[in-house]
Amino acid sequence: MSTALLTCAMAFSMLQLFLLGALGPRLVDDLDVSPTTLGLTTTIGFGTAAVLSPVGGRVVDRVGPRRALAALLLLSAVALALIGAAPGAGFLLAAVALGGLPQALANPATNKAILASVEPARRGAVTGMKQSGVQLGAFAAGLPLAGLAGWLGWRAAVWTAAGAAVLTAAWALRALPPAAPAGGGPRRSAGAAPAGAAAGGPQRPAGAASLLPRGAIAWLAGFSLLLGCGIASVNTYLALYGADRLDLPPGAAAALVAVLGVAGIGGRVAWSRAATPGRAPWLPGWLAAGAVGAALLLVAAAALGPLVWLAAVAVGVFAVSANAVSMVLVMQRAAPGRAGQDSALVSAGFFAGFALGPPLFGVLADAGRYGWGWALVAAEFAGACAVGLTWAVRERGARRRAGEA
């Protein structure tokens, strides 16, 4: 299994989000779309992903990560190619909806691959690396692809990304084995696995397959819902805020997304390494608290423009990193044979937040009330903080009661 491959798969699964955000000023001018319509692109894409994620998790549990990764990369390529061909807002929204399919497969497929091939002691680090792929996509959208858009046009930049996704799909088919070894753990010697078990390949999940999250997975899904609302609003409107209210040129405004991406890469790797079983339950709540401060910096940037760069870094270090830690927790808590399903249920909450957040922000952006929009984002992060810390307290109480028994 290649960590680099999983990182690239995560990058392509959500690249359309960052491209639409980074190229937002160009799309508003070229396709004559409003800020509200720009927010709807995120709603359509991630609404599709939220609806399909539970089913996508069950599919990954059955077909294995190799075929699932190849499918998500090819679907990403098709969606990006159609976005690049969009003549107007309606076609653009339809193409973005297709892009929700690879998002629904990404976390289940990559988490399944990690459980099948990585020693337990290294799973946190590898998860942080592959989750940083999402922010690698932000960096690619904000610098090289935005630079290409300034040279050859935004359509050429999007089509270049589509071609790269096709090449990565071919890499996945060559690099990953048809079926990983058994048990959800690292490779074993021949004959060590029970007949018919293949945690990384096609298998029947243990127990009844539920489409509703329960226990720790339900808490993480609720946390991810609120976190996703805030992150999606920042991803979608940060560049437009820089261009419209802070008078940054389009290239510098797009670079804000790249800065957020670089900070997110470092934050995801570092915090995922720190997410040991005893410490991990507390990290989501505290990281969400840091994200509240990042949103307030965006409010303050209206009066002191350079603060927007510090705010972009803080969103990456805190808000974006909290999502990676939640994936580490899913793998620590997933029932045998349900890693894909449980990952998908938490991802569905995150994607639902991505669908809900930008349209609410877009209404405020259309009215020129960016300050109120960032205050809304701060409130969403504060809600995530409350959910995360409440769950951590309950977990500590449950462990104490179990120890006393």
Protein backbone atom coordinates (compact mmCIF):
# COMPACT_ATOMS: atom_id res chain seq x y z
CA MET A 1 0.00 0.00 0.00
CA SER A 2 1.32 3.45 -0.87
CA THR A 3 0.66 6.30 1.56
CA ALA A 4 1.36 8.70 -1.29
CA LEU A 5 -1.36 7.05 -3.37
CA LEU A 6 -3.93 7.37 -0.59
CA THR A 7 -2.91 11.01 -0.10
CA CYS A 8 -3.47 11.70 -3.81
CA ALA A 9 -6.84 9.94 -3.73
CA MET A 10 -8.01 12.18 -0.89
CA ALA A 11 -6.75 15.24 -2.76
CA PHE A 12 -8.70 14.42 -5.92
CA SER A 13 -11.85 13.44 -4.06
CA MET A 14 -12.39 17.03 -2.89
CA LEU A 15 -10.34 18.99 -5.41
CA GLN A 16 -13.45 20.43 -7.04
CA LEU A 17 -14.38 22.20 -3.79
CA PHE A 18 -11.05 24.00 -3.59
CA LEU A 19 -10.97 24.79 -7.30
CA LEU A 20 -14.41 26.37 -7.13
CA GLY A 21 -13.31 28.42 -4.13
CA ALA A 22 -9.92 29.46 -5.50
CA LEU A 23 -11.32 30.24 -8.97
CA GLY A 24 -14.47 31.81 -7.50
CA PRO A 25 -13.72 35.38 -8.64
CA ARG A 26 -13.09 34.14 -12.22
CA LEU A 27 -16.24 31.97 -12.24
CA VAL A 28 -18.39 34.85 -10.96
CA ASP A 29 -17.19 36.99 -13.87
CA ASP A 30 -17.04 34.38 -16.66
CA LEU A 31 -20.21 32.38 -15.96
CA ASP A 32 -22.14 35.28 -14.41
CA VAL A 33 -22.92 33.41 -11.20
CA SER A 34 -23.74 35.13 -7.91
CA PRO A 35 -22.05 34.42 -4.56
CA THR A 36 -25.19 32.52 -3.54
CA THR A 37 -24.92 30.28 -6.63
CA LEU A 38 -21.25 29.71 -5.84
CA GLY A 39 -22.33 28.47 -2.43
CA LEU A 40 -24.91 26.20 -4.06
CA THR A 41 -22.14 24.36 -5.91
CA THR A 42 -20.83 23.19 -2.56
CA THR A 43 -24.33 22.34 -1.36
CA ILE A 44 -25.08 20.20 -4.41
CA GLY A 45 -21.77 18.33 -4.36
CA PHE A 46 -21.66 17.59 -0.68
CA GLY A 47 -25.38 17.01 -0.38
CA THR A 48 -24.91 14.21 -2.90
CA ALA A 49 -21.93 12.91 -0.94
CA ALA A 50 -23.85 12.99 2.36
CA VAL A 51 -26.77 11.02 0.92
CA LEU A 52 -24.57 8.42 -0.76
CA SER A 53 -21.91 8.01 1.96
CA PRO A 54 -23.69 5.30 4.01
CA VAL A 55 -24.26 3.23 0.85
CA GLY A 56 -20.72 3.98 -0.32
CA GLY A 57 -19.33 2.60 2.92
CA ARG A 58 -21.18 -0.68 2.45
CA VAL A 59 -19.92 -0.89 -1.14
CA VAL A 60 -16.31 -0.41 -0.03
CA ASP A 61 -16.71 -3.09 2.66
CA ARG A 62 -17.71 -5.51 -0.12
CA VAL A 63 -15.57 -4.61 -3.15
CA GLY A 64 -12.37 -3.61 -1.33
CA PRO A 65 -10.25 -0.45 -1.49
CA ARG A 66 -8.47 -1.13 -4.80
CA ARG A 67 -11.56 -1.01 -6.99
CA ALA A 68 -13.15 1.69 -4.86
CA LEU A 69 -10.09 3.96 -5.15
CA ALA A 70 -9.86 3.49 -8.91
CA ALA A 71 -13.57 4.28 -9.25
CA LEU A 72 -13.41 7.44 -7.16
CA LEU A 73 -10.41 8.74 -9.14
CA LEU A 74 -12.10 8.14 -12.49
CA LEU A 75 -15.32 9.75 -11.26
CA SER A 76 -13.30 12.73 -10.06
CA ALA A 77 -11.75 13.03 -13.51
CA VAL A 78 -15.12 12.99 -15.25
CA ALA A 79 -16.60 15.55 -12.85
CA LEU A 80 -13.63 17.90 -13.27
CA ALA A 81 -13.76 17.58 -17.06
CA LEU A 82 -17.45 18.50 -17.04
CA ILE A 83 -16.86 21.46 -14.72
CA GLY A 84 -14.26 22.71 -17.17
CA ALA A 85 -16.79 22.42 -20.00
CA ALA A 86 -19.64 24.15 -18.13
CA PRO A 87 -21.33 26.86 -20.26
CA GLY A 88 -23.37 28.20 -17.36
CA ALA A 89 -24.54 27.76 -13.79
CA GLY A 90 -26.98 24.88 -14.45
CA PHE A 91 -24.40 22.64 -16.15
CA LEU A 92 -21.86 23.55 -13.47
CA LEU A 93 -24.21 22.43 -10.70
CA ALA A 94 -24.88 19.10 -12.46
CA ALA A 95 -21.14 18.44 -12.86
CA VAL A 96 -20.53 19.25 -9.20
CA ALA A 97 -23.29 16.79 -8.20
CA LEU A 98 -21.40 14.03 -10.00
CA GLY A 99 -18.33 15.04 -8.00
CA GLY A 100 -20.18 14.03 -4.84
CA LEU A 101 -19.76 10.33 -5.74
CA PRO A 102 -15.98 10.14 -5.24
CA GLN A 103 -16.32 12.09 -2.00
CA ALA A 104 -18.68 9.41 -0.70
CA LEU A 105 -16.07 6.70 -1.39
CA ALA A 106 -12.90 8.48 -0.26
CA ASN A 107 -12.76 8.06 3.52
CA PRO A 108 -14.24 4.52 3.58
CA ALA A 109 -11.82 3.28 0.90
CA THR A 110 -8.68 4.89 2.32
CA ASN A 111 -9.48 3.97 5.93
CA LYS A 112 -10.16 0.39 4.85
CA ALA A 113 -6.80 0.24 3.10
CA ILE A 114 -5.00 1.51 6.20
CA LEU A 115 -6.68 -0.99 8.51
CA ALA A 116 -5.73 -3.80 6.14
CA SER A 117 -2.10 -2.88 5.60
CA VAL A 118 -0.71 -0.70 8.40
CA GLU A 119 0.50 -1.72 11.85
CA PRO A 120 -1.75 -0.31 14.63
CA ALA A 121 1.07 1.82 16.05
CA ARG A 122 1.49 3.64 12.71
CA ARG A 123 -2.16 4.09 11.77
CA GLY A 124 -2.49 7.54 13.34
CA ALA A 125 0.51 8.88 11.42
CA VAL A 126 -0.57 7.32 8.12
CA THR A 127 -4.13 8.58 8.60
CA GLY A 128 -2.84 12.07 9.19
CA MET A 129 -0.76 11.87 6.02
CA LYS A 130 -3.60 10.63 3.84
CA GLN A 131 -6.07 13.14 5.35
CA SER A 132 -3.56 15.86 4.56
CA GLY A 133 -4.23 15.00 0.93
CA VAL A 134 -7.41 17.05 1.16
CA GLN A 135 -5.29 20.08 2.01
CA LEU A 136 -2.80 19.12 -0.68
CA GLY A 137 -5.76 19.62 -3.01
CA ALA A 138 -6.30 23.08 -1.50
CA PHE A 139 -2.65 23.94 -2.11
CA ALA A 140 -2.82 22.68 -5.70
CA ALA A 141 -5.97 24.70 -6.37
CA GLY A 142 -4.64 27.85 -4.73
CA LEU A 143 -1.19 28.02 -6.34
CA PRO A 144 -0.25 25.86 -9.37
CA LEU A 145 -3.74 25.45 -10.81
CA ALA A 146 -4.71 29.05 -10.06
CA GLY A 147 -1.45 30.13 -11.72
CA LEU A 148 -2.28 27.98 -14.74
CA ALA A 149 -5.73 29.59 -14.81
CA GLY A 150 -4.12 33.02 -15.00
CA TRP A 151 -1.98 31.85 -17.92
CA LEU A 152 -4.27 29.59 -20.00
CA GLY A 153 -7.69 30.24 -18.45
CA TRP A 154 -9.64 28.54 -15.68
CA ARG A 155 -11.06 25.85 -17.98
CA ALA A 156 -7.58 24.64 -18.96
CA ALA A 157 -6.61 24.47 -15.30
CA VAL A 158 -9.61 22.29 -14.44
CA TRP A 159 -9.00 19.99 -17.42
CA THR A 160 -5.36 19.58 -16.35
CA ALA A 161 -6.59 18.40 -12.95
CA ALA A 162 -8.94 15.92 -14.67
CA GLY A 163 -6.06 14.42 -16.65
CA ALA A 164 -3.98 14.03 -13.51
CA ALA A 165 -6.86 12.16 -11.84
CA VAL A 166 -6.94 9.63 -14.72
CA LEU A 167 -3.21 8.98 -14.33
CA THR A 168 -3.64 8.47 -10.58
CA ALA A 169 -6.43 5.94 -11.22
CA ALA A 170 -4.03 3.91 -13.37
CA TRP A 171 -1.48 4.12 -10.56
CA ALA A 172 -4.03 2.79 -8.06
CA LEU A 173 -4.83 -0.22 -10.23
CA ARG A 174 -1.13 -1.08 -10.56
CA ALA A 175 -0.02 -0.33 -6.99
CA LEU A 176 -2.73 -1.93 -4.87
CA PRO A 177 -3.30 -5.70 -4.71
CA PRO A 178 -6.70 -7.08 -5.79
CA ALA A 179 -7.50 -8.05 -2.19
CA ALA A 180 -5.64 -7.18 1.00
CA PRO A 181 -5.00 -9.73 3.75
CA ALA A 182 -7.41 -10.57 6.48
CA GLY A 183 -8.47 -9.11 9.74
CA GLY A 184 -8.31 -5.34 9.28
CA GLY A 185 -4.65 -5.38 10.36
CA PRO A 186 -1.26 -5.49 8.67
CA ARG A 187 -0.12 -8.27 6.37
CA ARG A 188 0.14 -11.77 7.78
CA SER A 189 1.95 -14.82 6.60
CA ALA A 190 0.19 -17.25 4.32
CA GLY A 191 -2.29 -19.42 6.11
CA ALA A 192 -2.54 -17.10 9.14
CA ALA A 193 -5.91 -15.67 8.17
CA PRO A 194 -9.18 -17.51 8.54
CA ALA A 195 -10.68 -18.73 5.30
CA GLY A 196 -12.84 -16.17 3.58
CA ALA A 197 -11.66 -13.18 5.67
CA ALA A 198 -10.33 -10.18 3.81
CA ALA A 199 -10.62 -6.90 5.67
CA GLY A 200 -9.16 -4.91 2.85
CA GLY A 201 -10.96 -6.77 0.09
CA PRO A 202 -14.51 -7.91 -0.59
CA GLN A 203 -16.22 -9.20 2.51
CA ARG A 204 -19.50 -9.21 4.35
CA PRO A 205 -19.48 -6.77 7.28
CA ALA A 206 -19.91 -8.32 10.69
CA GLY A 207 -23.31 -7.83 12.24
CA ALA A 208 -26.31 -6.05 10.86
CA ALA A 209 -25.46 -3.19 8.57
CA SER A 210 -27.08 -0.04 9.92
CA LEU A 211 -27.44 3.19 7.99
CA LEU A 212 -27.77 5.14 11.26
CA PRO A 213 -24.74 6.06 13.41
CA ARG A 214 -24.76 4.86 17.00
CA GLY A 215 -22.65 5.37 20.11
CA ALA A 216 -19.30 7.06 19.52
CA ILE A 217 -19.93 7.12 15.76
CA ALA A 218 -23.12 9.16 16.30
CA TRP A 219 -21.26 11.72 18.42
CA LEU A 220 -18.50 12.00 15.83
CA ALA A 221 -21.07 12.42 13.04
CA GLY A 222 -22.76 15.27 14.94
CA PHE A 223 -19.41 16.92 15.61
CA SER A 224 -18.46 16.57 11.94
CA LEU A 225 -21.77 18.11 10.82
CA LEU A 226 -21.08 21.37 12.67
CA LEU A 227 -17.40 21.36 11.80
CA GLY A 228 -18.21 20.84 8.11
CA CYS A 229 -20.60 23.82 8.07
CA GLY A 230 -17.79 26.14 9.10
CA ILE A 231 -14.97 24.65 7.04
CA ALA A 232 -17.03 24.63 3.83
CA SER A 233 -17.94 28.29 4.24
CA VAL A 234 -14.27 29.21 4.66
CA ASN A 235 -13.19 27.07 1.70
CA THR A 236 -15.88 28.50 -0.58
CA TYR A 237 -15.74 32.19 0.34
CA LEU A 238 -12.23 32.92 1.62
CA ALA A 239 -10.84 33.86 -1.81
CA LEU A 240 -13.96 35.86 -2.71
CA TYR A 241 -13.73 37.69 0.64
CA GLY A 242 -10.11 38.54 -0.07
CA ALA A 243 -10.94 39.87 -3.54
CA ASP A 244 -14.21 41.70 -2.76
CA ARG A 245 -13.62 43.14 0.71
CA LEU A 246 -9.85 43.17 1.21
CA ASP A 247 -9.00 44.31 -2.35
CA LEU A 248 -6.58 41.46 -3.01
CA PRO A 249 -5.85 40.64 -6.68
CA PRO A 250 -7.28 37.27 -7.88
CA GLY A 251 -3.92 35.52 -7.62
CA ALA A 252 -3.32 36.64 -4.04
CA ALA A 253 -6.91 35.80 -3.09
CA ALA A 254 -6.45 32.28 -4.47
CA ALA A 255 -3.18 32.01 -2.52
CA LEU A 256 -5.21 32.28 0.69
CA VAL A 257 -6.64 28.85 -0.13
CA ALA A 258 -3.11 27.53 -0.70
CA VAL A 259 -1.94 28.88 2.66
CA LEU A 260 -4.90 27.21 4.36
CA GLY A 261 -3.98 23.99 2.58
CA VAL A 262 -0.33 24.01 3.66
CA ALA A 263 -1.30 24.74 7.27
CA GLY A 264 -3.86 21.94 7.12
CA ILE A 265 -1.28 19.44 5.90
CA GLY A 266 1.02 20.15 8.83
CA GLY A 267 -1.83 20.26 11.32
CA ARG A 268 -3.41 17.01 10.18
CA VAL A 269 -0.16 15.09 10.32
CA ALA A 270 0.86 16.49 13.72
CA TRP A 271 -2.50 16.17 15.47
CA SER A 272 -3.16 12.69 14.06
CA ARG A 273 0.19 11.52 15.45
CA ALA A 274 -0.82 12.97 18.81
CA ALA A 275 -4.21 11.17 18.77
CA THR A 276 -3.29 8.26 21.02
CA PRO A 277 -6.27 6.26 22.36
CA GLY A 278 -6.19 8.05 25.72
CA ARG A 279 -5.79 11.55 24.31
CA ALA A 280 -7.77 11.35 21.06
CA PRO A 281 -11.31 11.83 22.51
CA TRP A 282 -10.36 15.28 23.85
CA LEU A 283 -8.69 16.60 20.71
CA PRO A 284 -11.78 17.29 18.51
CA GLY A 285 -13.35 19.60 21.09
CA TRP A 286 -10.17 21.54 21.80
CA LEU A 287 -9.30 21.87 18.10
CA ALA A 288 -12.81 23.20 17.42
CA ALA A 289 -12.23 25.78 20.18
CA GLY A 290 -9.11 26.93 18.31
CA ALA A 291 -11.18 27.14 15.13
CA VAL A 292 -13.52 29.62 16.85
CA GLY A 293 -10.54 31.92 17.29
CA ALA A 294 -9.65 31.49 13.61
CA ALA A 295 -13.14 32.58 12.55
CA LEU A 296 -12.93 35.65 14.79
CA LEU A 297 -9.65 36.57 13.09
CA LEU A 298 -11.54 36.60 9.78
CA VAL A 299 -13.99 39.08 11.29
CA ALA A 300 -11.09 41.27 12.46
CA ALA A 301 -9.42 41.12 9.03
CA ALA A 302 -12.05 43.54 7.70
CA ALA A 303 -10.37 46.23 9.83
CA LEU A 304 -6.80 44.90 9.67
CA GLY A 305 -6.34 43.13 6.34
CA PRO A 306 -3.11 41.16 7.02
CA LEU A 307 -4.92 39.19 9.72
CA VAL A 308 -6.62 37.22 6.95
CA TRP A 309 -3.37 35.32 6.33
CA LEU A 310 -3.06 34.40 9.99
CA ALA A 311 -6.71 33.36 9.96
CA ALA A 312 -6.11 31.06 6.98
CA VAL A 313 -3.26 29.36 8.84
CA ALA A 314 -5.37 28.99 11.99
CA VAL A 315 -8.29 27.41 10.10
CA GLY A 316 -5.89 24.82 8.68
CA VAL A 317 -4.16 24.07 11.99
CA PHE A 318 -7.35 23.77 14.04
CA ALA A 319 -10.58 23.25 12.05
CA VAL A 320 -9.19 21.18 9.20
CA SER A 321 -7.04 19.09 11.55
CA ALA A 322 -10.05 18.24 13.73
CA ASN A 323 -11.56 16.30 10.84
CA ALA A 324 -8.43 14.16 10.53
CA VAL A 325 -8.51 13.37 14.25
CA SER A 326 -12.15 12.30 13.93
CA MET A 327 -11.07 9.76 11.28
CA VAL A 328 -8.40 8.39 13.65
CA LEU A 329 -11.12 7.98 16.28
CA VAL A 330 -13.35 6.14 13.80
CA MET A 331 -10.63 3.58 13.16
CA GLN A 332 -10.00 3.22 16.89
CA ARG A 333 -13.71 2.61 17.55
CA ALA A 334 -14.91 0.82 14.39
CA ALA A 335 -16.50 -2.61 14.88
CA PRO A 336 -14.83 -5.55 13.07
CA GLY A 337 -15.77 -5.54 9.41
CA ARG A 338 -17.44 -2.12 9.64
CA ALA A 339 -14.53 0.26 9.10
CA GLY A 340 -15.88 1.38 5.75
CA GLN A 341 -19.45 1.72 7.01
CA ASP A 342 -18.53 3.65 10.17
CA SER A 343 -16.15 5.91 8.25
CA ALA A 344 -18.93 6.62 5.78
CA LEU A 345 -21.44 7.50 8.51
CA VAL A 346 -19.09 10.06 10.07
CA SER A 347 -18.23 11.37 6.61
CA ALA A 348 -21.95 11.74 5.86
CA GLY A 349 -22.24 14.13 8.81
CA PHE A 350 -19.23 16.09 7.58
CA PHE A 351 -20.58 16.28 4.03
CA ALA A 352 -24.01 17.34 5.27
CA GLY A 353 -22.29 20.24 7.00
CA PHE A 354 -20.53 21.10 3.75
CA ALA A 355 -23.92 21.14 2.05
CA LEU A 356 -25.60 23.35 4.66
CA GLY A 357 -22.93 25.89 5.53
CA PRO A 358 -22.14 27.75 2.28
CA PRO A 359 -25.75 28.63 1.27
CA LEU A 360 -26.31 30.27 4.66
CA PHE A 361 -23.06 32.18 4.29
CA GLY A 362 -23.90 33.02 0.66
CA VAL A 363 -27.04 34.90 1.66
CA LEU A 364 -24.94 37.10 3.95
CA ALA A 365 -22.21 37.49 1.31
CA ASP A 366 -24.77 38.62 -1.28
CA ALA A 367 -25.83 41.33 1.18
CA GLY A 368 -22.19 42.32 1.73
CA ARG A 369 -22.31 41.16 5.38
CA TYR A 370 -19.11 39.13 5.50
CA GLY A 371 -18.59 40.02 9.16
CA TRP A 372 -21.88 38.36 10.08
CA GLY A 373 -20.94 35.41 7.89
CA TRP A 374 -17.69 34.81 9.77
CA ALA A 375 -19.56 35.23 13.06
CA LEU A 376 -21.89 32.45 11.90
CA VAL A 377 -18.86 30.29 11.14
CA ALA A 378 -17.54 30.98 14.66
CA ALA A 379 -20.88 29.87 16.11
CA GLU A 380 -20.76 26.64 14.07
CA PHE A 381 -17.26 25.87 15.34
CA ALA A 382 -18.41 26.67 18.89
CA GLY A 383 -21.23 24.13 18.50
CA ALA A 384 -18.72 21.52 17.31
CA CYS A 385 -16.57 22.32 20.35
CA ALA A 386 -19.52 21.76 22.68
CA VAL A 387 -20.39 18.41 21.07
CA GLY A 388 -16.78 17.23 21.10
CA LEU A 389 -16.10 18.11 24.73
CA THR A 390 -19.44 16.73 25.91
CA TRP A 391 -18.68 13.39 24.26
CA ALA A 392 -15.16 13.34 25.76
CA VAL A 393 -16.57 13.90 29.25
CA ARG A 394 -19.10 11.09 28.72
CA GLU A 395 -16.34 8.79 27.48
CA ARG A 396 -14.23 9.49 30.56
CA GLY A 397 -17.21 8.79 32.81
CA ALA A 398 -17.94 5.53 31.02
CA ARG A 399 -14.31 4.38 31.40
CA ARG A 400 -14.37 5.19 35.11
CA ARG A 401 -17.58 3.25 35.64
CA ALA A 402 -16.15 0.31 33.72
CA GLY A 403 -13.02 0.41 35.88
CA GLU A 404 -15.06 0.45 39.10
CA ALA A 405 -17.14 -2.50 37.92
